[in-house]
């Protein structure tokens, strides 16, 4: 069984885990940069155009045909929509996209859409505004207070997020860029959840939760595993009700014993290695689904109080290694 990982970037561990599990096949990785270190963890790799380039998808489909790929996923948010939107093209060549449908990917990418969905379905979440005047009115009425976050409604990796302590700063940030969202600042314990929803049964089969200790560049740098049946029930209900499938990463806040859902990324998150090393092997779940098998439910099947601590590594390659396959 052969698997394709798109836009692998610096996710070396993810590629390593797929190689370990798919040891009877070939792991192929792509990226637009030959300096993406995770490329060189794969059995084969391709340098491909930027995902917004004309003909990008044609290149990916051709790689799938050439390498007899069975399944594919991306590790970056904008590409999730592209894959989901073109699911039929991959179905026609016998390649399964591991991920959610277009509507779920679109909702996750647009934070204000996600906020409205959470509100409509009764989940606790941070108050969010696209209308500045409505926000200022709620401040005056005591519905929300400073500080607040100002961020792009469609963005990822914590890029262009600022904390604002007054009206002047909010005005400045919102006037500088279009599509900025004002969001309530949640003061509490930040939690990450790595979740797998079976691609066949559509049921949540694995949940791993961790308390975030240190964050860096929008990703979990240090964390500790923990378990709470109440949180497991919330995540299971949310994931299945919202229609996600495959791998998702959920950001949650715990405030005075209540859980608030913050954001959802329908892909492997940067902190997923913590889950894998604790026994939540979602690569094997993917492999079973590709083989047409439904995975049994094993929610919370890991040990609590296990710490993850990221540290820097380096990849050293000769220049001639960059003259490898071009997509």
Protein backbone atom coordinates (compact mmCIF):
# COMPACT_ATOMS: atom_id res chain seq x y z
CA UNK A 1 0.00 0.00 0.00
CA UNK A 2 1.48 3.36 -1.10
CA UNK A 3 0.75 6.72 0.52
CA UNK A 4 1.29 10.35 -0.55
CA UNK A 5 1.92 13.18 1.93
CA UNK A 6 1.51 16.67 0.42
CA UNK A 7 3.20 19.87 1.62
CA UNK A 8 5.28 17.97 4.17
CA UNK A 9 7.45 20.94 5.19
CA UNK A 10 9.11 20.30 8.54
CA UNK A 11 6.78 17.51 9.67
CA UNK A 12 9.56 14.92 9.74
CA UNK A 13 7.95 12.87 12.50
CA UNK A 14 4.70 12.49 10.56
CA UNK A 15 6.58 11.09 7.57
CA UNK A 16 8.60 8.79 9.83
CA UNK A 17 5.43 7.40 11.43
CA UNK A 18 3.84 6.71 8.04
CA UNK A 19 7.01 4.91 6.92
CA UNK A 20 6.95 2.80 10.08
CA UNK A 21 3.31 1.77 9.61
CA UNK A 22 3.19 1.51 5.81
CA UNK A 23 6.33 -0.65 5.76
CA UNK A 24 4.91 -2.92 3.07
CA UNK A 25 4.62 -0.04 0.60
CA UNK A 26 6.13 3.28 -0.43
CA UNK A 27 5.74 6.66 1.26
CA UNK A 28 5.97 9.59 -1.17
CA UNK A 29 6.23 13.22 -0.01
CA UNK A 30 5.93 16.53 -1.85
CA UNK A 31 6.73 20.15 -1.17
CA UNK A 32 7.30 23.30 -3.23
CA UNK A 33 10.73 23.77 -1.62
CA UNK A 34 13.68 21.44 -1.97
CA UNK A 35 14.74 22.68 1.48
CA UNK A 36 11.72 21.09 3.19
CA UNK A 37 13.50 18.60 5.48
CA UNK A 38 10.59 16.15 5.77
CA UNK A 39 10.97 15.36 2.05
CA UNK A 40 14.09 13.35 2.76
CA UNK A 41 12.39 11.11 5.32
CA UNK A 42 10.16 9.63 2.59
CA UNK A 43 11.00 6.71 0.29
CA UNK A 44 10.48 9.04 -2.69
CA UNK A 45 9.87 12.75 -2.98
CA UNK A 46 8.85 15.36 -5.54
CA UNK A 47 9.33 19.11 -5.77
CA UNK A 48 6.01 20.53 -6.96
CA UNK A 49 4.62 23.99 -7.84
CA UNK A 50 2.92 26.24 -5.31
CA UNK A 51 -0.60 24.98 -4.56
CA UNK A 52 -2.10 28.12 -6.16
CA UNK A 53 -0.23 27.60 -9.45
CA UNK A 54 -2.10 26.64 -12.60
CA UNK A 55 -1.91 22.92 -13.16
CA UNK A 56 -0.86 22.10 -9.59
CA UNK A 57 -3.55 19.49 -9.19
CA UNK A 58 -2.61 17.90 -12.53
CA UNK A 59 0.90 17.40 -11.16
CA UNK A 60 -0.40 15.71 -8.00
CA UNK A 61 -2.74 13.44 -9.95
CA UNK A 62 0.14 12.43 -12.23
CA UNK A 63 2.31 11.56 -9.21
CA UNK A 64 -0.54 9.42 -7.84
CA UNK A 65 -0.73 7.51 -11.10
CA UNK A 66 3.02 7.12 -11.45
CA UNK A 67 3.55 5.90 -7.88
CA UNK A 68 0.35 3.78 -7.66
CA UNK A 69 -0.83 5.76 -4.65
CA UNK A 70 -3.67 4.38 -2.51
CA UNK A 71 -4.21 7.30 -0.13
CA UNK A 72 -3.28 10.98 0.11
CA UNK A 73 -3.43 13.81 2.66
CA UNK A 74 -2.05 17.31 3.10
CA UNK A 75 -0.39 18.85 6.13
CA UNK A 76 -1.39 22.48 5.42
CA UNK A 77 -4.80 24.13 5.76
CA UNK A 78 -5.30 25.80 2.33
CA UNK A 79 -4.65 22.54 0.49
CA UNK A 80 -7.33 20.68 2.44
CA UNK A 81 -10.05 22.62 0.63
CA UNK A 82 -8.39 22.00 -2.73
CA UNK A 83 -8.27 18.23 -2.20
CA UNK A 84 -11.83 18.05 -0.89
CA UNK A 85 -13.15 20.14 -3.78
CA UNK A 86 -11.52 17.76 -6.26
CA UNK A 87 -12.37 14.49 -4.52
CA UNK A 88 -13.96 13.08 -7.68
CA UNK A 89 -10.68 13.36 -9.62
CA UNK A 90 -8.92 11.22 -7.02
CA UNK A 91 -11.80 8.76 -6.79
CA UNK A 92 -11.57 8.21 -10.54
CA UNK A 93 -7.97 7.00 -10.24
CA UNK A 94 -8.60 4.91 -7.11
CA UNK A 95 -6.96 7.28 -4.62
CA UNK A 96 -8.65 7.90 -1.26
CA UNK A 97 -8.35 11.37 0.25
CA UNK A 98 -7.86 11.05 4.01
CA UNK A 99 -9.75 14.05 5.30
CA UNK A 100 -13.06 15.81 5.65
CA UNK A 101 -15.43 16.97 2.94
CA UNK A 102 -15.27 20.46 1.44
CA UNK A 103 -17.92 22.02 3.70
CA UNK A 104 -16.10 20.97 6.87
CA UNK A 105 -12.72 22.12 5.51
CA UNK A 106 -14.19 25.46 4.45
CA UNK A 107 -15.82 25.96 7.85
CA UNK A 108 -12.55 25.21 9.64
CA UNK A 109 -10.56 27.61 7.49
CA UNK A 110 -13.07 30.43 8.08
CA UNK A 111 -13.01 31.04 11.83
CA UNK A 112 -16.15 33.18 11.81
CA UNK A 113 -18.10 30.43 10.04
CA UNK A 114 -16.88 27.99 12.68
CA UNK A 115 -17.88 30.41 15.45
CA UNK A 116 -21.41 30.73 14.06
CA UNK A 117 -21.72 26.94 13.71
CA UNK A 118 -20.59 26.39 17.31
CA UNK A 119 -23.03 29.03 18.54
CA UNK A 120 -25.96 27.56 16.59
CA UNK A 121 -25.26 24.06 17.91
CA UNK A 122 -24.94 25.04 21.56
CA UNK A 123 -21.18 24.71 22.13
CA UNK A 124 -19.30 27.10 24.41
CA UNK A 125 -16.84 29.25 22.42
CA UNK A 126 -15.16 32.66 22.39
CA UNK A 127 -17.40 35.55 21.31
CA UNK A 128 -16.35 36.69 17.85
CA UNK A 129 -17.14 39.69 15.66
CA UNK A 130 -16.65 40.75 12.05
CA UNK A 131 -18.69 43.91 12.67
CA UNK A 132 -16.60 46.43 14.63
CA UNK A 133 -19.59 48.60 15.55
CA UNK A 134 -21.39 45.60 17.03
CA UNK A 135 -18.24 44.79 19.02
CA UNK A 136 -17.95 48.37 20.34
CA UNK A 137 -21.64 48.33 21.27
CA UNK A 138 -21.17 45.09 23.23
CA UNK A 139 -18.14 46.60 25.01
CA UNK A 140 -20.28 49.56 26.11
CA UNK A 141 -23.04 47.19 27.25
CA UNK A 142 -20.62 45.04 29.24
CA UNK A 143 -21.08 41.97 27.01
CA UNK A 144 -17.33 41.76 26.33
CA UNK A 145 -14.22 43.51 27.62
CA UNK A 146 -10.60 44.13 26.66
CA UNK A 147 -8.16 42.63 25.95
CA UNK A 148 -9.31 40.88 22.76
CA UNK A 149 -7.58 39.12 19.89
CA UNK A 150 -7.66 40.57 16.39
CA UNK A 151 -6.90 37.98 13.73
CA UNK A 152 -7.64 37.12 10.10
CA UNK A 153 -10.94 35.22 9.89
CA UNK A 154 -9.22 32.97 7.37
CA UNK A 155 -5.71 32.18 8.56
CA UNK A 156 -3.47 29.56 10.14
CA UNK A 157 -0.26 29.06 12.15
CA UNK A 158 -1.14 32.06 14.38
CA UNK A 159 -0.03 34.43 11.60
CA UNK A 160 -1.07 38.11 11.98
CA UNK A 161 -2.73 37.57 15.38
CA UNK A 162 -2.49 40.54 17.76
CA UNK A 163 -3.74 41.24 21.25
CA UNK A 164 -5.57 44.55 21.57
CA UNK A 165 -6.15 46.39 24.85
CA UNK A 166 -8.17 49.35 23.54
CA UNK A 167 -10.39 50.70 20.75
CA UNK A 168 -7.57 52.57 19.03
CA UNK A 169 -5.55 49.37 18.57
CA UNK A 170 -8.57 47.45 17.29
CA UNK A 171 -9.27 50.24 14.78
CA UNK A 172 -5.66 50.25 13.62
CA UNK A 173 -5.46 46.48 13.17
CA UNK A 174 -8.81 46.16 11.41
CA UNK A 175 -8.16 49.07 9.06
CA UNK A 176 -4.75 47.67 8.12
CA UNK A 177 -6.13 44.44 6.63
CA UNK A 178 -9.46 43.17 5.31
CA UNK A 179 -11.29 40.22 6.79
CA UNK A 180 -10.12 40.76 10.36
CA UNK A 181 -12.09 39.15 13.19
CA UNK A 182 -12.28 40.38 16.78
CA UNK A 183 -12.36 37.53 19.28
CA UNK A 184 -12.86 37.34 23.02
CA UNK A 185 -9.70 36.59 24.97
CA UNK A 186 -10.18 33.31 26.83
CA UNK A 187 -8.13 33.08 30.01
CA UNK A 188 -7.74 29.43 30.94
CA UNK A 189 -5.92 26.16 30.37
CA UNK A 190 -5.33 25.56 26.67
CA UNK A 191 -5.89 21.97 25.55
CA UNK A 192 -5.13 20.13 22.34
CA UNK A 193 -7.04 17.08 21.09
CA UNK A 194 -5.85 14.70 18.36
CA UNK A 195 -8.90 12.91 17.04
CA UNK A 196 -9.54 10.26 14.39
CA UNK A 197 -13.00 9.79 12.92
CA UNK A 198 -13.28 6.52 11.01
CA UNK A 199 -13.61 7.16 7.26
CA UNK A 200 -16.09 4.28 6.89
CA UNK A 201 -18.25 4.25 10.04
CA UNK A 202 -18.01 8.05 10.53
CA UNK A 203 -17.59 7.37 14.26
CA UNK A 204 -14.89 8.79 16.51
CA UNK A 205 -12.52 5.91 17.26
CA UNK A 206 -9.54 7.62 18.92
CA UNK A 207 -9.09 10.71 21.11
CA UNK A 208 -5.87 11.93 22.70
CA UNK A 209 -5.92 15.06 24.87
CA UNK A 210 -3.05 17.11 26.25
CA UNK A 211 -2.69 20.22 28.36
CA UNK A 212 -0.47 22.72 26.58
CA UNK A 213 2.40 23.97 28.71
CA UNK A 214 4.39 26.04 26.19
CA UNK A 215 3.43 27.28 22.69
CA UNK A 216 5.78 28.38 19.92
CA UNK A 217 4.76 29.84 16.52
CA UNK A 218 1.20 28.61 16.95
CA UNK A 219 2.20 25.02 17.73
CA UNK A 220 2.45 23.03 20.95
CA UNK A 221 6.05 23.00 22.15
CA UNK A 222 5.58 21.29 25.53
CA UNK A 223 2.52 19.45 26.81
CA UNK A 224 1.32 16.76 29.20
CA UNK A 225 -1.27 14.07 28.47
CA UNK A 226 -4.43 13.86 30.59
CA UNK A 227 -7.86 12.23 30.54
CA UNK A 228 -11.34 13.50 31.31
CA UNK A 229 -14.42 11.44 30.32
CA UNK A 230 -16.50 14.64 30.18
CA UNK A 231 -14.12 16.10 27.60
CA UNK A 232 -14.05 12.84 25.63
CA UNK A 233 -17.86 12.90 25.43
CA UNK A 234 -17.85 16.53 24.27
CA UNK A 235 -15.24 15.87 21.56
CA UNK A 236 -17.03 12.75 20.33
CA UNK A 237 -20.35 14.57 20.08
CA UNK A 238 -18.82 17.61 18.38
CA UNK A 239 -16.75 15.68 15.83
CA UNK A 240 -19.62 13.45 14.75
CA UNK A 241 -22.27 16.19 14.77
CA UNK A 242 -20.10 18.51 12.66
CA UNK A 243 -19.41 15.80 10.08
CA UNK A 244 -15.63 15.65 10.19
CA UNK A 245 -13.86 12.50 9.00
CA UNK A 246 -10.26 11.31 9.21
CA UNK A 247 -7.70 13.16 11.28
CA UNK A 248 -8.59 16.42 13.05
CA UNK A 249 -6.84 18.63 15.60
CA UNK A 250 -9.00 20.61 18.04
CA UNK A 251 -7.98 23.58 20.23
CA UNK A 252 -9.98 23.81 23.45
CA UNK A 253 -9.91 26.00 26.56
CA UNK A 254 -10.85 24.84 30.07
CA UNK A 255 -12.24 27.75 32.10
CA UNK A 256 -13.61 27.15 35.59
CA UNK A 257 -14.44 23.54 34.80
CA UNK A 258 -16.15 24.33 31.48
CA UNK A 259 -14.76 23.44 28.04
CA UNK A 260 -14.76 25.97 25.20
CA UNK A 261 -14.04 24.85 21.64
CA UNK A 262 -11.71 27.32 19.96
CA UNK A 263 -10.52 26.08 16.56
CA UNK A 264 -10.45 22.93 14.44
CA UNK A 265 -7.80 21.90 11.92
CA UNK A 266 -8.91 18.92 9.78
CA UNK A 267 -5.37 17.53 9.53
CA UNK A 268 -2.47 16.34 11.68
CA UNK A 269 -1.51 19.08 14.12
CA UNK A 270 2.03 20.01 15.07
CA UNK A 271 1.64 18.29 18.44
CA UNK A 272 0.46 14.94 17.07
CA UNK A 273 3.80 13.14 17.80
CA UNK A 274 2.82 13.28 21.48
CA UNK A 275 -0.26 11.16 20.71
CA UNK A 276 1.61 8.64 18.55
CA UNK A 277 4.37 8.14 21.11
CA UNK A 278 1.71 7.53 23.78
CA UNK A 279 0.11 4.79 21.68
CA UNK A 280 -2.55 6.64 19.65
CA UNK A 281 -1.36 5.36 16.28
CA UNK A 282 -3.61 7.10 13.76
CA UNK A 283 -1.46 6.00 10.81
CA UNK A 284 -2.59 2.42 11.43
CA UNK A 285 -6.21 3.61 11.59
CA UNK A 286 -5.72 5.22 8.18
CA UNK A 287 -4.16 2.04 6.80
CA UNK A 288 -7.11 -0.08 7.97
CA UNK A 289 -9.58 2.34 6.41
CA UNK A 290 -7.69 2.23 3.10
CA UNK A 291 -7.99 -1.56 3.25
CA UNK A 292 -11.76 -1.22 3.68
CA UNK A 293 -11.76 -2.12 7.38
CA UNK A 294 -13.72 -0.28 10.09
CA UNK A 295 -11.61 0.60 13.12
CA UNK A 296 -12.80 -0.37 16.62
CA UNK A 297 -13.37 2.45 19.10
CA UNK A 298 -10.49 2.98 21.54
CA UNK A 299 -11.08 6.42 23.01
CA UNK A 300 -8.56 7.51 25.64
CA UNK A 301 -6.42 4.41 25.16
CA UNK A 302 -3.19 5.95 26.48
CA UNK A 303 -1.43 6.83 29.70
CA UNK A 304 -1.94 10.19 31.44
CA UNK A 305 0.84 12.43 32.80
CA UNK A 306 3.24 11.77 29.91
CA UNK A 307 5.13 14.89 28.84
CA UNK A 308 6.14 15.91 25.33
CA UNK A 309 9.08 18.30 24.94
CA UNK A 310 10.03 19.41 21.43
CA UNK A 311 13.63 20.22 20.56
CA UNK A 312 15.47 21.29 17.43
CA UNK A 313 17.08 18.89 14.96
CA UNK A 314 18.97 19.52 11.72
CA UNK A 315 19.05 17.81 8.32
CA UNK A 316 22.35 17.84 6.39
CA UNK A 317 22.26 17.07 2.67
CA UNK A 318 24.70 17.41 -0.23
CA UNK A 319 23.63 19.81 -2.95
CA UNK A 320 23.24 17.06 -5.56
CA UNK A 321 20.45 15.45 -3.51
CA UNK A 322 18.28 18.42 -4.52
CA UNK A 323 18.38 17.29 -8.15
CA UNK A 324 15.65 14.82 -7.43
CA UNK A 325 12.21 14.25 -8.87
CA UNK A 326 10.32 17.28 -10.08
CA UNK A 327 6.56 17.03 -10.19
